[in-house]
Amino acid sequence: MTENTALLVMDVQQGIVSRVSDPAYLPRVVRAIDAARAAGIPVMHVVIGFRLGHPEAAARNKSFGALPAGAFTPEDPGAAVHPDVAPRPEDVVITKKRVSAFAGSDLEMVLRARGIEHLVLAGIATSGVVLSTLRQAADLDYRLTVLADGCLDGDPEVHRVLTEKVFPRQADVVSVEEWVSALS
């Protein structure tokens, strides 16, 4: 189960986590990261990041064209991975330019180079990076697992519908504890 598997921790960045109201969210993600490392599963942190001035974001892009000038640039402290889940030297950090972890990033190249065929997804938001990444990864023929409580959305009902009705069509959907237990 762990061979050819990677855990993707997506958009768990200071400026995004600061809007999270669930105090148990980060400890659950830390639990998944710790279990992955103990099982020898690579941990990959996917972050949104732009150059200064956002030359990658067209004004017509509703999500990214409206960002404040310095948001998610190297100078923005909000762009940093949250310290509770901070990458270790052996972790891979992937910078993306759009919602999906694959869009505008070298994620697919890194996965292919490492022989990864199974992605375990966690991140913020369920209706954003998780949904977009899951759809693209499924189209690229990756085996998928979504850690339902390792994902979070500003709209709990949207999170529920995605994790209970939409994601199961293309992924195994389990809790962090179920996944951790299966690793033992």
C-alpha atoms as a PDB file:
ATOM      1  CA  MET A   1       0.000   0.000   0.000  1.00  0.00           C
ATOM      2  CA  THR A   2       2.862   2.425   0.634  1.00  0.00           C
ATOM      3  CA  GLU A   3       4.977   1.581  -2.403  1.00  0.00           C
ATOM      4  CA  ASN A   4       4.726   4.188  -5.165  1.00  0.00           C
ATOM      5  CA  THR A   5       2.619   6.420  -2.885  1.00  0.00           C
ATOM      6  CA  ALA A   6       3.038  10.097  -2.012  1.00  0.00           C
ATOM      7  CA  LEU A   7       1.152  12.325   0.422  1.00  0.00           C
ATOM      8  CA  LEU A   8       0.282  15.722  -1.064  1.00  0.00           C
ATOM      9  CA  VAL A   9      -0.315  18.426   1.549  1.00  0.00           C
ATOM     10  CA  MET A  10      -1.813  21.250  -0.470  1.00  0.00           C
ATOM     11  CA  ASP A  11      -2.178  24.972   0.223  1.00  0.00           C
ATOM     12  CA  VAL A  12      -1.561  24.613   3.970  1.00  0.00           C
ATOM     13  CA  GLN A  13       0.045  28.058   3.969  1.00  0.00           C
ATOM     14  CA  GLN A  14       0.014  30.764   6.626  1.00  0.00           C
ATOM     15  CA  GLY A  15      -2.365  33.097   4.781  1.00  0.00           C
ATOM     16  CA  ILE A  16      -4.818  30.279   4.097  1.00  0.00           C
ATOM     17  CA  VAL A  17      -4.629  28.522   7.478  1.00  0.00           C
ATOM     18  CA  SER A  18      -5.257  31.871   9.199  1.00  0.00           C
ATOM     19  CA  ARG A  19      -8.849  31.619   7.916  1.00  0.00           C
ATOM     20  CA  VAL A  20      -9.382  28.107   9.326  1.00  0.00           C
ATOM     21  CA  SER A  21     -11.737  27.861  12.281  1.00  0.00           C
ATOM     22  CA  ASP A  22     -11.233  24.158  13.086  1.00  0.00           C
ATOM     23  CA  PRO A  23      -8.522  23.910  15.797  1.00  0.00           C
ATOM     24  CA  ALA A  24      -8.223  20.136  15.229  1.00  0.00           C
ATOM     25  CA  TYR A  25      -7.415  20.490  11.519  1.00  0.00           C
ATOM     26  CA  LEU A  26      -3.656  21.055  11.726  1.00  0.00           C
ATOM     27  CA  PRO A  27      -3.094  18.273  14.305  1.00  0.00           C
ATOM     28  CA  ARG A  28      -4.887  15.836  11.955  1.00  0.00           C
ATOM     29  CA  VAL A  29      -2.679  16.867   9.045  1.00  0.00           C
ATOM     30  CA  VAL A  30       0.422  16.571  11.245  1.00  0.00           C
ATOM     31  CA  ARG A  31      -0.728  13.048  12.174  1.00  0.00           C
ATOM     32  CA  ALA A  32      -0.983  12.116   8.486  1.00  0.00           C
ATOM     33  CA  ILE A  33       2.439  13.611   7.738  1.00  0.00           C
ATOM     34  CA  ASP A  34       4.070  11.824  10.672  1.00  0.00           C
ATOM     35  CA  ALA A  35       2.502   8.511   9.637  1.00  0.00           C
ATOM     36  CA  ALA A  36       3.590   8.968   6.027  1.00  0.00           C
ATOM     37  CA  ARG A  37       7.175   9.675   7.055  1.00  0.00           C
ATOM     38  CA  ALA A  38       7.208   6.692   9.427  1.00  0.00           C
ATOM     39  CA  ALA A  39       5.989   4.459   6.569  1.00  0.00           C
ATOM     40  CA  GLY A  40       8.572   5.820   4.140  1.00  0.00           C
ATOM     41  CA  ILE A  41       5.946   7.646   2.059  1.00  0.00           C
ATOM     42  CA  PRO A  42       7.259  10.869   0.526  1.00  0.00           C
ATOM     43  CA  VAL A  43       5.571  14.058   1.705  1.00  0.00           C
ATOM     44  CA  MET A  44       5.071  16.725  -0.938  1.00  0.00           C
ATOM     45  CA  HIS A  45       3.942  20.222  -0.014  1.00  0.00           C
ATOM     46  CA  VAL A  46       2.062  21.991  -2.785  1.00  0.00           C
ATOM     47  CA  VAL A  47       1.889  25.771  -2.436  1.00  0.00           C
ATOM     48  CA  ILE A  48       0.439  28.611  -4.451  1.00  0.00           C
ATOM     49  CA  GLY A  49       3.141  31.077  -5.384  1.00  0.00           C
ATOM     50  CA  PHE A  50       3.653  33.963  -7.777  1.00  0.00           C
ATOM     51  CA  ARG A  51       6.457  36.248  -8.826  1.00  0.00           C
ATOM     52  CA  LEU A  52       6.369  39.815  -7.546  1.00  0.00           C
ATOM     53  CA  GLY A  53       3.732  41.691  -9.516  1.00  0.00           C
ATOM     54  CA  HIS A  54       1.846  38.465 -10.372  1.00  0.00           C
ATOM     55  CA  PRO A  55       2.778  38.328 -14.072  1.00  0.00           C
ATOM     56  CA  GLU A  56       1.306  34.793 -14.173  1.00  0.00           C
ATOM     57  CA  ALA A  57      -2.189  35.945 -13.126  1.00  0.00           C
ATOM     58  CA  ALA A  58      -4.375  37.523 -15.793  1.00  0.00           C
ATOM     59  CA  ALA A  59      -6.738  40.239 -14.589  1.00  0.00           C
ATOM     60  CA  ARG A  60      -9.628  38.245 -16.094  1.00  0.00           C
ATOM     61  CA  ASN A  61      -8.879  35.283 -13.793  1.00  0.00           C
ATOM     62  CA  LYS A  62     -11.502  35.674 -11.045  1.00  0.00           C
ATOM     63  CA  SER A  63      -9.449  33.842  -8.419  1.00  0.00           C
ATOM     64  CA  PHE A  64      -5.943  35.097  -8.974  1.00  0.00           C
ATOM     65  CA  GLY A  65      -6.452  38.358 -10.868  1.00  0.00           C
ATOM     66  CA  ALA A  66      -8.086  39.846  -7.786  1.00  0.00           C
ATOM     67  CA  LEU A  67      -5.251  39.033  -5.356  1.00  0.00           C
ATOM     68  CA  PRO A  68      -3.571  41.958  -3.599  1.00  0.00           C
ATOM     69  CA  ALA A  69      -0.294  42.934  -5.279  1.00  0.00           C
ATOM     70  CA  GLY A  70       2.114  41.149  -2.918  1.00  0.00           C
ATOM     71  CA  ALA A  71      -0.033  38.137  -2.019  1.00  0.00           C
ATOM     72  CA  PHE A  72       1.624  34.720  -2.305  1.00  0.00           C
ATOM     73  CA  THR A  73       4.942  36.147  -3.495  1.00  0.00           C
ATOM     74  CA  PRO A  74       8.316  35.310  -1.931  1.00  0.00           C
ATOM     75  CA  GLU A  75       8.042  38.491   0.168  1.00  0.00           C
ATOM     76  CA  ASP A  76       4.618  37.519   1.595  1.00  0.00           C
ATOM     77  CA  PRO A  77       4.801  35.813   5.023  1.00  0.00           C
ATOM     78  CA  GLY A  78       1.340  34.388   4.281  1.00  0.00           C
ATOM     79  CA  ALA A  79       2.813  32.340   1.430  1.00  0.00           C
ATOM     80  CA  ALA A  80       4.955  30.252   3.800  1.00  0.00           C
ATOM     81  CA  VAL A  81       3.943  26.700   4.639  1.00  0.00           C
ATOM     82  CA  HIS A  82       2.363  26.730   8.104  1.00  0.00           C
ATOM     83  CA  PRO A  83       5.071  25.965  10.700  1.00  0.00           C
ATOM     84  CA  ASP A  84       3.063  23.074  12.198  1.00  0.00           C
ATOM     85  CA  VAL A  85       3.482  21.170   8.918  1.00  0.00           C
ATOM     86  CA  ALA A  86       6.756  22.742   7.784  1.00  0.00           C
ATOM     87  CA  PRO A  87       8.639  20.798   5.129  1.00  0.00           C
ATOM     88  CA  ARG A  88      11.702  18.839   6.168  1.00  0.00           C
ATOM     89  CA  PRO A  89      14.777  18.759   3.923  1.00  0.00           C
ATOM     90  CA  GLU A  90      13.698  15.410   2.439  1.00  0.00           C
ATOM     91  CA  ASP A  91      10.228  16.739   1.537  1.00  0.00           C
ATOM     92  CA  VAL A  92       9.503  18.138  -1.901  1.00  0.00           C
ATOM     93  CA  VAL A  93       7.895  21.575  -2.221  1.00  0.00           C
ATOM     94  CA  ILE A  94       5.934  22.139  -5.421  1.00  0.00           C
ATOM     95  CA  THR A  95       4.883  25.672  -6.378  1.00  0.00           C
ATOM     96  CA  LYS A  96       1.760  25.932  -8.503  1.00  0.00           C
ATOM     97  CA  LYS A  97       0.279  28.904 -10.336  1.00  0.00           C
ATOM     98  CA  ARG A  98      -3.377  27.886 -10.430  1.00  0.00           C
ATOM     99  CA  VAL A  99      -5.916  25.929  -8.383  1.00  0.00           C
ATOM    100  CA  SER A 100      -4.840  22.394  -9.359  1.00  0.00           C
ATOM    101  CA  ALA A 101      -1.541  21.131  -7.971  1.00  0.00           C
ATOM    102  CA  PHE A 102      -0.628  20.196 -11.550  1.00  0.00           C
ATOM    103  CA  ALA A 103      -1.362  23.577 -13.181  1.00  0.00           C
ATOM    104  CA  GLY A 104       1.750  25.647 -13.736  1.00  0.00           C
ATOM    105  CA  SER A 105       3.928  23.307 -11.659  1.00  0.00           C
ATOM    106  CA  ASP A 106       6.423  20.504 -12.149  1.00  0.00           C
ATOM    107  CA  LEU A 107       4.397  18.078  -9.993  1.00  0.00           C
ATOM    108  CA  GLU A 108       3.812  15.517 -12.734  1.00  0.00           C
ATOM    109  CA  MET A 109       7.522  15.463 -13.623  1.00  0.00           C
ATOM    110  CA  VAL A 110       8.486  14.926  -9.962  1.00  0.00           C
ATOM    111  CA  LEU A 111       5.907  12.142  -9.558  1.00  0.00           C
ATOM    112  CA  ARG A 112       7.056  10.365 -12.722  1.00  0.00           C
ATOM    113  CA  ALA A 113      10.719  10.671 -11.737  1.00  0.00           C
ATOM    114  CA  ARG A 114       9.949   9.013  -8.399  1.00  0.00           C
ATOM    115  CA  GLY A 115       7.677   6.313  -9.821  1.00  0.00           C
ATOM    116  CA  ILE A 116       4.662   7.576  -7.868  1.00  0.00           C
ATOM    117  CA  GLU A 117       1.343   6.059  -8.971  1.00  0.00           C
ATOM    118  CA  HIS A 118      -0.826   6.611  -5.875  1.00  0.00           C
ATOM    119  CA  LEU A 119      -1.590  10.068  -4.467  1.00  0.00           C
ATOM    120  CA  VAL A 120      -3.001  10.703  -0.997  1.00  0.00           C
ATOM    121  CA  LEU A 121      -4.595  14.149  -0.903  1.00  0.00           C
ATOM    122  CA  ALA A 122      -5.039  16.607   1.955  1.00  0.00           C
ATOM    123  CA  GLY A 123      -5.449  20.358   1.846  1.00  0.00           C
ATOM    124  CA  ILE A 124      -7.387  23.579   1.868  1.00  0.00           C
ATOM    125  CA  ALA A 125      -9.858  23.954   0.229  1.00  0.00           C
ATOM    126  CA  THR A 126     -11.833  20.846  -0.586  1.00  0.00           C
ATOM    127  CA  SER A 127     -13.695  22.711  -3.348  1.00  0.00           C
ATOM    128  CA  GLY A 128     -10.474  24.264  -4.660  1.00  0.00           C
ATOM    129  CA  VAL A 129      -7.085  22.554  -4.748  1.00  0.00           C
ATOM    130  CA  VAL A 130      -8.379  19.144  -3.641  1.00  0.00           C
ATOM    131  CA  LEU A 131     -11.183  18.959  -6.208  1.00  0.00           C
ATOM    132  CA  SER A 132      -9.071  20.328  -9.070  1.00  0.00           C
ATOM    133  CA  THR A 133      -6.097  18.107  -8.261  1.00  0.00           C
ATOM    134  CA  LEU A 134      -8.262  15.010  -7.842  1.00  0.00           C
ATOM    135  CA  ARG A 135      -9.946  15.528 -11.212  1.00  0.00           C
ATOM    136  CA  GLN A 136      -6.684  16.116 -13.059  1.00  0.00           C
ATOM    137  CA  ALA A 137      -4.898  13.246 -11.273  1.00  0.00           C
ATOM    138  CA  ALA A 138      -7.755  10.883 -12.122  1.00  0.00           C
ATOM    139  CA  ASP A 139      -7.504  11.898 -15.785  1.00  0.00           C
ATOM    140  CA  LEU A 140      -3.756  11.165 -15.567  1.00  0.00           C
ATOM    141  CA  ASP A 141      -4.545   7.661 -14.223  1.00  0.00           C
ATOM    142  CA  TYR A 142      -3.192   8.071 -10.680  1.00  0.00           C
ATOM    143  CA  ARG A 143      -4.693   5.916  -7.964  1.00  0.00           C
ATOM    144  CA  LEU A 144      -6.220   8.314  -5.425  1.00  0.00           C
ATOM    145  CA  THR A 145      -7.024   8.481  -1.748  1.00  0.00           C
ATOM    146  CA  VAL A 146      -8.569  11.548  -0.147  1.00  0.00           C
ATOM    147  CA  LEU A 147      -8.162  12.128   3.583  1.00  0.00           C
ATOM    148  CA  ALA A 148     -11.641  13.558   4.182  1.00  0.00           C
ATOM    149  CA  ASP A 149     -10.811  15.195   7.511  1.00  0.00           C
ATOM    150  CA  GLY A 150      -7.391  16.188   6.169  1.00  0.00           C
ATOM    151  CA  CYS A 151      -9.281  18.505   3.819  1.00  0.00           C
ATOM    152  CA  LEU A 152     -11.175  21.611   4.787  1.00  0.00           C
ATOM    153  CA  ASP A 153     -13.554  23.982   3.050  1.00  0.00           C
ATOM    154  CA  GLY A 154     -15.124  27.287   4.009  1.00  0.00           C
ATOM    155  CA  ASP A 155     -18.507  25.712   3.269  1.00  0.00           C
ATOM    156  CA  PRO A 156     -19.061  22.538   5.332  1.00  0.00           C
ATOM    157  CA  GLU A 157     -21.925  21.413   3.083  1.00  0.00           C
ATOM    158  CA  VAL A 158     -19.762  21.657  -0.040  1.00  0.00           C
ATOM    159  CA  HIS A 159     -17.051  19.659   1.779  1.00  0.00           C
ATOM    160  CA  ARG A 160     -19.614  17.004   2.732  1.00  0.00           C
ATOM    161  CA  VAL A 161     -21.052  16.681  -0.776  1.00  0.00           C
ATOM    162  CA  LEU A 162     -17.597  16.431  -2.335  1.00  0.00           C
ATOM    163  CA  THR A 163     -16.192  13.890   0.134  1.00  0.00           C
ATOM    164  CA  GLU A 164     -19.352  11.778   0.387  1.00  0.00           C
ATOM    165  CA  LYS A 165     -20.785  11.930  -3.132  1.00  0.00           C
ATOM    166  CA  VAL A 166     -18.327  13.278  -5.703  1.00  0.00           C
ATOM    167  CA  PHE A 167     -14.844  12.109  -4.690  1.00  0.00           C
ATOM    168  CA  PRO A 168     -15.781   8.429  -4.126  1.00  0.00           C
ATOM    169  CA  ARG A 169     -16.363   8.112  -7.885  1.00  0.00           C
ATOM    170  CA  GLN A 170     -12.632   8.569  -8.483  1.00  0.00           C
ATOM    171  CA  ALA A 171     -10.908   7.989  -5.133  1.00  0.00           C
ATOM    172  CA  ASP A 172     -10.967   6.085  -1.905  1.00  0.00           C
ATOM    173  CA  VAL A 173     -12.168   8.528   0.745  1.00  0.00           C
ATOM    174  CA  VAL A 174     -11.061   7.790   4.310  1.00  0.00           C
ATOM    175  CA  SER A 175     -10.338   9.625   7.538  1.00  0.00           C
ATOM    176  CA  VAL A 176      -6.796  10.404   8.631  1.00  0.00           C
ATOM    177  CA  GLU A 177      -7.108   7.777  11.390  1.00  0.00           C
ATOM    178  CA  GLU A 178      -8.352   5.113   8.972  1.00  0.00           C
ATOM    179  CA  TRP A 179      -5.429   5.820   6.656  1.00  0.00           C
ATOM    180  CA  VAL A 180      -2.882   5.856   9.489  1.00  0.00           C
ATOM    181  CA  SER A 181      -4.264   2.568  10.854  1.00  0.00           C
ATOM    182  CA  ALA A 182      -4.023   0.956   7.426  1.00  0.00           C
ATOM    183  CA  LEU A 183      -0.317   1.867   7.276  1.00  0.00           C
ATOM    184  CA  SER A 184       0.472  -0.164  10.401  1.00  0.00           C
END
